[in-house]
């Protein structure tokens, strides 16, 4: 606990966040990230400390909204629609500099203003969250893509100003959005059973049907904790397709600033590792939840940490070389 508290203080200090209330808001986002996004949180440790707080804020806000739609009887009171409306109004006001008592909104609005994030990205995200209140399935990939744009692609686009790019940001945007989609599809494939318990299926119905799979069969598999061969074949197809999305997104990592590359590459490897675990489990995602073991996460994170430290060291040397020495008439 003491180590975590020191890390929190170091990140906030490095980011120049001194206001006690704002620091508390960022800490709440960090706690949400650490508790619910372990794989991504681990990768975030590879970023320079000032950038971590912004990633925590973006994750914390997204998680807060996600909890509203996934927990209709939440402690917040009111209907999920009303709570999303309250969240939207609070965010709109905070982005204009108004106050709010929602901690995650204070933090994410501060991050958005500092990095000039496009408010439309938040609008698209919240639109997808509202879809979760009424939509329980997607007929085809085109329908799913509309949802995933707001729930995942925009997250990749929000991250770009935080991570930094070595060239025009527009050149990195397609890959950033695609990597967000790959992460989201990985979640969908891992969480088929849990999503089904909430009455939702985030896999294209037409592609499932091509393998003889429908909601009734998935529900039976979930109830019996068994995986039908038809389901295995459908999931194998979708896993292979998601591997392809990771491959298409990977070149975008080289477009990021060197200090951010190790983090994103580690996140990519760890998340794609979840697909590997699904394959190793024989595509049994309806009877249990697969996860990347801690030893595998460490095997990815430790070499990435070395690369991140080397990048920071190189950046520091470059900064010193660019900084005029005293007495040289700078």
Protein backbone atom coordinates (compact mmCIF):
# COMPACT_ATOMS: atom_id res chain seq x y z
CA UNK A 1 0.00 0.00 0.00
CA UNK A 2 2.80 2.42 0.88
CA UNK A 3 4.55 1.67 -2.42
CA UNK A 4 1.30 2.34 -4.30
CA UNK A 5 0.75 5.60 -2.42
CA UNK A 6 4.28 6.74 -3.22
CA UNK A 7 3.78 5.88 -6.87
CA UNK A 8 0.53 7.87 -6.94
CA UNK A 9 2.21 10.91 -5.41
CA UNK A 10 5.17 10.65 -7.79
CA UNK A 11 2.89 10.50 -10.85
CA UNK A 12 0.78 13.44 -9.73
CA UNK A 13 3.84 15.49 -8.79
CA UNK A 14 5.49 14.75 -12.13
CA UNK A 15 2.33 15.84 -13.94
CA UNK A 16 2.28 19.11 -12.02
CA UNK A 17 -1.11 18.42 -10.44
CA UNK A 18 -1.09 20.20 -7.08
CA UNK A 19 -4.74 20.95 -6.26
CA UNK A 20 -5.78 18.51 -3.47
CA UNK A 21 -9.28 17.93 -4.86
CA UNK A 22 -7.98 17.26 -8.36
CA UNK A 23 -5.30 14.93 -7.01
CA UNK A 24 -8.03 12.97 -5.20
CA UNK A 25 -9.99 12.72 -8.47
CA UNK A 26 -7.00 11.33 -10.34
CA UNK A 27 -6.36 8.88 -7.51
CA UNK A 28 -9.91 7.57 -7.86
CA UNK A 29 -9.35 7.01 -11.58
CA UNK A 30 -6.08 5.25 -10.85
CA UNK A 31 -7.81 2.96 -8.35
CA UNK A 32 -10.47 2.03 -10.94
CA UNK A 33 -7.74 1.30 -13.47
CA UNK A 34 -5.73 -0.85 -11.07
CA UNK A 35 -8.79 -2.81 -9.94
CA UNK A 36 -10.52 -3.42 -13.25
CA UNK A 37 -7.91 -3.08 -15.99
CA UNK A 38 -4.99 -5.09 -14.66
CA UNK A 39 -3.44 -5.90 -18.03
CA UNK A 40 -3.63 -2.33 -19.29
CA UNK A 41 -2.62 -0.92 -15.90
CA UNK A 42 0.54 -3.02 -15.97
CA UNK A 43 1.40 -1.72 -19.43
CA UNK A 44 0.77 1.85 -18.27
CA UNK A 45 3.59 1.46 -15.73
CA UNK A 46 5.96 1.61 -18.72
CA UNK A 47 5.00 5.20 -19.50
CA UNK A 48 6.84 8.22 -18.09
CA UNK A 49 5.04 9.16 -14.82
CA UNK A 50 3.48 12.42 -16.12
CA UNK A 51 1.61 10.52 -18.84
CA UNK A 52 0.25 7.81 -16.57
CA UNK A 53 -2.21 10.08 -14.80
CA UNK A 54 -3.91 10.96 -18.09
CA UNK A 55 -4.27 7.31 -19.05
CA UNK A 56 -5.76 6.57 -15.62
CA UNK A 57 -8.23 9.43 -16.09
CA UNK A 58 -9.37 8.18 -19.50
CA UNK A 59 -9.72 4.62 -18.24
CA UNK A 60 -11.46 5.69 -15.03
CA UNK A 61 -14.07 7.71 -16.89
CA UNK A 62 -14.73 4.89 -19.37
CA UNK A 63 -15.02 2.36 -16.57
CA UNK A 64 -17.39 4.60 -14.60
CA UNK A 65 -19.71 4.88 -17.61
CA UNK A 66 -19.43 1.16 -18.28
CA UNK A 67 -20.47 0.38 -14.72
CA UNK A 68 -23.62 2.45 -15.17
CA UNK A 69 -24.82 0.39 -18.11
CA UNK A 70 -23.68 -2.94 -16.65
CA UNK A 71 -25.26 -2.40 -13.24
CA UNK A 72 -28.85 -1.16 -13.70
CA UNK A 73 -29.51 -1.40 -9.94
CA UNK A 74 -26.32 0.47 -9.03
CA UNK A 75 -25.82 2.42 -5.85
CA UNK A 76 -26.09 5.73 -7.71
CA UNK A 77 -29.90 5.61 -7.81
CA UNK A 78 -32.11 6.39 -10.79
CA UNK A 79 -32.31 4.60 -14.11
CA UNK A 80 -29.17 3.91 -16.15
CA UNK A 81 -30.44 6.35 -18.78
CA UNK A 82 -30.87 9.09 -16.19
CA UNK A 83 -27.44 8.39 -14.72
CA UNK A 84 -25.85 8.53 -18.17
CA UNK A 85 -27.66 11.82 -18.80
CA UNK A 86 -26.25 13.16 -15.54
CA UNK A 87 -22.77 11.99 -16.49
CA UNK A 88 -23.04 13.56 -19.94
CA UNK A 89 -24.20 16.89 -18.55
CA UNK A 90 -21.44 16.87 -15.93
CA UNK A 91 -18.80 16.16 -18.57
CA UNK A 92 -20.11 18.82 -20.95
CA UNK A 93 -19.98 21.37 -18.16
CA UNK A 94 -16.56 20.29 -16.92
CA UNK A 95 -15.11 20.54 -20.43
CA UNK A 96 -16.29 24.17 -20.39
CA UNK A 97 -14.56 24.72 -17.06
CA UNK A 98 -17.58 24.28 -14.79
CA UNK A 99 -17.38 22.40 -11.49
CA UNK A 100 -18.73 18.90 -10.83
CA UNK A 101 -18.90 16.56 -7.87
CA UNK A 102 -18.16 13.47 -10.00
CA UNK A 103 -14.49 12.71 -9.38
CA UNK A 104 -13.79 10.84 -12.62
CA UNK A 105 -15.33 13.70 -14.61
CA UNK A 106 -13.11 16.27 -12.89
CA UNK A 107 -10.02 14.24 -13.76
CA UNK A 108 -10.91 13.38 -17.35
CA UNK A 109 -12.01 16.95 -18.13
CA UNK A 110 -8.68 18.21 -16.80
CA UNK A 111 -6.85 15.69 -19.01
CA UNK A 112 -9.02 16.62 -22.00
CA UNK A 113 -8.33 20.33 -21.62
CA UNK A 114 -4.59 19.84 -21.13
CA UNK A 115 -4.25 17.74 -24.27
CA UNK A 116 -6.90 19.40 -26.42
CA UNK A 117 -8.99 16.25 -26.83
CA UNK A 118 -11.87 16.57 -29.26
CA UNK A 119 -15.18 16.63 -27.31
CA UNK A 120 -16.77 14.66 -30.17
CA UNK A 121 -14.76 11.63 -29.07
CA UNK A 122 -16.55 11.68 -25.72
CA UNK A 123 -19.89 12.21 -27.47
CA UNK A 124 -19.31 9.11 -29.60
CA UNK A 125 -18.22 7.10 -26.58
CA UNK A 126 -21.33 7.97 -24.58
CA UNK A 127 -23.53 7.23 -27.62
CA UNK A 128 -22.18 3.66 -27.64
CA UNK A 129 -22.76 3.39 -23.90
CA UNK A 130 -26.42 4.33 -24.52
CA UNK A 131 -26.66 1.58 -27.13
CA UNK A 132 -25.91 -0.90 -24.35
CA UNK A 133 -29.18 0.09 -22.69
CA UNK A 134 -31.33 -1.07 -25.62
CA UNK A 135 -29.28 -3.13 -28.08
CA UNK A 136 -28.74 -6.79 -27.18
CA UNK A 137 -27.13 -8.05 -30.39
CA UNK A 138 -25.65 -7.06 -33.73
CA UNK A 139 -26.84 -8.47 -37.02
CA UNK A 140 -23.54 -8.09 -38.84
CA UNK A 141 -20.08 -6.60 -38.66
CA UNK A 142 -21.26 -3.24 -40.01
CA UNK A 143 -23.71 -2.85 -37.11
CA UNK A 144 -21.08 -3.93 -34.60
CA UNK A 145 -18.55 -1.52 -36.11
CA UNK A 146 -20.82 1.42 -35.33
CA UNK A 147 -20.88 0.41 -31.69
CA UNK A 148 -17.17 -0.38 -31.52
CA UNK A 149 -16.25 2.98 -33.04
CA UNK A 150 -17.61 4.73 -29.97
CA UNK A 151 -16.71 2.12 -27.38
CA UNK A 152 -13.14 1.42 -28.52
CA UNK A 153 -11.79 3.25 -31.58
CA UNK A 154 -12.32 6.64 -29.96
CA UNK A 155 -10.34 5.48 -26.91
CA UNK A 156 -7.35 4.90 -29.17
CA UNK A 157 -7.84 8.35 -30.65
CA UNK A 158 -8.08 9.95 -27.19
CA UNK A 159 -4.82 8.29 -26.23
CA UNK A 160 -2.77 9.69 -29.13
CA UNK A 161 -2.32 13.25 -27.77
CA UNK A 162 -1.30 11.76 -24.41
CA UNK A 163 1.20 9.33 -25.91
CA UNK A 164 2.56 11.72 -28.53
CA UNK A 165 3.53 10.99 -32.12
CA UNK A 166 6.73 11.49 -34.11
CA UNK A 167 4.89 12.85 -37.13
CA UNK A 168 1.47 14.29 -37.94
CA UNK A 169 -1.09 12.85 -35.57
CA UNK A 170 -3.46 12.11 -38.46
CA UNK A 171 -1.01 9.54 -39.81
CA UNK A 172 -1.17 7.56 -36.58
CA UNK A 173 -4.92 7.79 -36.06
CA UNK A 174 -6.05 4.81 -38.21
CA UNK A 175 -3.70 2.42 -36.41
CA UNK A 176 -4.62 3.82 -32.99
CA UNK A 177 -8.32 3.34 -33.70
CA UNK A 178 -7.66 -0.16 -35.03
CA UNK A 179 -5.70 -1.17 -31.94
CA UNK A 180 -8.60 0.02 -29.78
CA UNK A 181 -10.92 -2.18 -31.84
CA UNK A 182 -8.57 -5.17 -31.43
CA UNK A 183 -8.57 -4.70 -27.65
CA UNK A 184 -12.36 -4.47 -27.62
CA UNK A 185 -12.85 -7.56 -29.78
CA UNK A 186 -10.52 -9.44 -27.46
CA UNK A 187 -12.72 -8.43 -24.54
CA UNK A 188 -15.84 -9.53 -26.43
CA UNK A 189 -14.34 -12.95 -27.16
CA UNK A 190 -13.11 -13.44 -23.59
CA UNK A 191 -16.37 -12.25 -22.02
CA UNK A 192 -18.95 -14.02 -24.19
CA UNK A 193 -20.41 -15.79 -21.18
CA UNK A 194 -20.53 -12.77 -18.87
CA UNK A 195 -22.07 -10.60 -21.60
CA UNK A 196 -24.65 -13.30 -22.29
CA UNK A 197 -25.59 -13.23 -18.61
CA UNK A 198 -26.46 -9.54 -19.16
CA UNK A 199 -28.52 -10.44 -22.22
CA UNK A 200 -25.99 -9.14 -24.75
CA UNK A 201 -23.99 -10.71 -27.58
CA UNK A 202 -21.20 -8.60 -29.06
CA UNK A 203 -20.34 -10.97 -31.92
CA UNK A 204 -21.85 -10.53 -35.41
CA UNK A 205 -24.92 -12.73 -35.72
CA UNK A 206 -24.39 -13.45 -39.40
CA UNK A 207 -20.86 -14.73 -38.82
CA UNK A 208 -22.03 -16.91 -35.95
CA UNK A 209 -24.87 -18.23 -38.11
CA UNK A 210 -22.38 -19.27 -40.80
CA UNK A 211 -21.18 -21.87 -38.28
CA UNK A 212 -24.65 -22.85 -37.08
CA UNK A 213 -24.48 -20.74 -33.91
CA UNK A 214 -27.28 -18.58 -32.54
CA UNK A 215 -28.29 -17.06 -29.21
CA UNK A 216 -30.16 -20.21 -28.18
CA UNK A 217 -27.08 -22.39 -28.64
CA UNK A 218 -24.84 -19.93 -26.81
CA UNK A 219 -27.34 -19.77 -23.95
CA UNK A 220 -27.40 -23.56 -23.73
CA UNK A 221 -23.59 -23.71 -23.66
CA UNK A 222 -23.50 -21.08 -20.91
CA UNK A 223 -26.11 -22.89 -18.83
CA UNK A 224 -24.46 -26.29 -19.22
CA UNK A 225 -20.89 -24.91 -19.01
CA UNK A 226 -20.07 -26.77 -22.22
CA UNK A 227 -18.79 -25.63 -25.60
CA UNK A 228 -20.45 -27.06 -28.69
CA UNK A 229 -18.13 -27.82 -31.66
CA UNK A 230 -20.02 -25.28 -33.75
CA UNK A 231 -19.28 -22.60 -31.17
CA UNK A 232 -15.61 -23.57 -31.13
CA UNK A 233 -15.37 -23.18 -34.90
CA UNK A 234 -17.15 -19.80 -34.83
CA UNK A 235 -14.90 -18.51 -32.07
CA UNK A 236 -11.80 -19.82 -33.84
CA UNK A 237 -12.81 -17.81 -36.90
CA UNK A 238 -13.34 -14.62 -34.89
CA UNK A 239 -10.13 -15.10 -32.91
CA UNK A 240 -8.17 -15.48 -36.15
CA UNK A 241 -9.78 -12.34 -37.52
CA UNK A 242 -8.86 -10.40 -34.38
CA UNK A 243 -5.24 -11.58 -34.67
CA UNK A 244 -5.35 -9.98 -38.10
CA UNK A 245 -6.57 -6.70 -36.63
CA UNK A 246 -3.60 -6.68 -34.24
CA UNK A 247 -1.22 -7.26 -37.16
CA UNK A 248 -2.68 -4.34 -39.11
CA UNK A 249 -2.50 -2.05 -36.07
CA UNK A 250 1.07 -2.96 -35.05
CA UNK A 251 2.92 -0.64 -37.50
CA UNK A 252 1.27 2.31 -35.77
CA UNK A 253 3.41 1.77 -32.66
CA UNK A 254 6.46 3.08 -34.54
CA UNK A 255 4.54 6.32 -35.14
CA UNK A 256 4.37 7.03 -31.40
CA UNK A 257 6.96 8.96 -29.45
CA UNK A 258 9.72 6.58 -28.32
CA UNK A 259 8.82 7.03 -24.63
CA UNK A 260 5.33 5.63 -25.30
CA UNK A 261 6.15 2.71 -27.58
CA UNK A 262 7.06 0.15 -24.90
CA UNK A 263 3.75 0.73 -23.11
CA UNK A 264 1.59 0.29 -26.20
CA UNK A 265 3.61 -2.66 -27.47
CA UNK A 266 3.31 -4.37 -24.07
CA UNK A 267 -0.44 -3.73 -24.03
CA UNK A 268 -0.71 -5.18 -27.53
CA UNK A 269 1.26 -8.30 -26.59
CA UNK A 270 -0.62 -8.83 -23.34
CA UNK A 271 -4.04 -8.38 -24.89
CA UNK A 272 -3.26 -10.55 -27.86
CA UNK A 273 -2.01 -13.07 -25.31
CA UNK A 274 -5.61 -13.34 -24.11
CA UNK A 275 -6.50 -14.64 -27.57
CA UNK A 276 -3.75 -17.22 -27.13
CA UNK A 277 -5.27 -18.29 -23.82
CA UNK A 278 -8.67 -18.66 -25.50
CA UNK A 279 -7.08 -20.91 -28.11
CA UNK A 280 -5.24 -22.94 -25.46
CA UNK A 281 -8.54 -23.39 -23.58
CA UNK A 282 -10.16 -24.91 -26.66
CA UNK A 283 -12.35 -21.80 -27.02
CA UNK A 284 -14.13 -22.61 -23.76
CA UNK A 285 -15.16 -19.07 -22.84
CA UNK A 286 -18.71 -19.96 -21.87
CA UNK A 287 -17.74 -22.17 -18.97
CA UNK A 288 -14.99 -20.01 -17.51
CA UNK A 289 -13.10 -16.76 -17.90
CA UNK A 290 -9.62 -17.02 -19.36
CA UNK A 291 -6.79 -14.73 -18.33
CA UNK A 292 -3.08 -14.26 -18.96
CA UNK A 293 -1.17 -15.71 -15.97
CA UNK A 294 1.00 -13.38 -13.93
CA UNK A 295 4.20 -15.10 -15.05
CA UNK A 296 3.33 -14.40 -18.68
CA UNK A 297 2.51 -10.79 -17.93
CA UNK A 298 5.88 -10.46 -16.23
CA UNK A 299 7.63 -12.10 -19.19
CA UNK A 300 6.22 -9.36 -21.42
CA UNK A 301 6.48 -6.46 -19.00
CA UNK A 302 10.06 -6.88 -17.80
CA UNK A 303 11.76 -6.67 -21.23
CA UNK A 304 9.39 -3.82 -22.12
CA UNK A 305 10.45 -2.01 -18.96
CA UNK A 306 14.06 -2.21 -20.12
CA UNK A 307 13.09 -0.70 -23.48
CA UNK A 308 11.08 2.02 -21.78
CA UNK A 309 13.95 2.97 -19.49
CA UNK A 310 16.35 3.02 -22.43
CA UNK A 311 13.99 5.30 -24.36
CA UNK A 312 13.71 7.66 -21.39
CA UNK A 313 17.47 7.70 -20.97
CA UNK A 314 17.96 8.47 -24.66
CA UNK A 315 15.33 11.19 -24.49
CA UNK A 316 17.06 12.67 -21.46
CA UNK A 317 20.41 12.71 -23.23
CA UNK A 318 18.84 14.38 -26.23
CA UNK A 319 17.21 17.01 -24.04
CA UNK A 320 20.51 17.78 -22.34
CA UNK A 321 22.19 18.11 -25.72
CA UNK A 322 19.54 20.58 -26.85
CA UNK A 323 19.70 22.61 -23.64
CA UNK A 324 22.24 25.50 -23.93
CA UNK A 325 24.93 25.45 -21.28
CA UNK A 326 25.33 28.43 -18.95
CA UNK A 327 27.70 31.09 -20.26
CA UNK A 328 27.13 30.35 -23.95
CA UNK A 329 24.88 33.30 -24.57
CA UNK A 330 21.65 31.33 -24.86
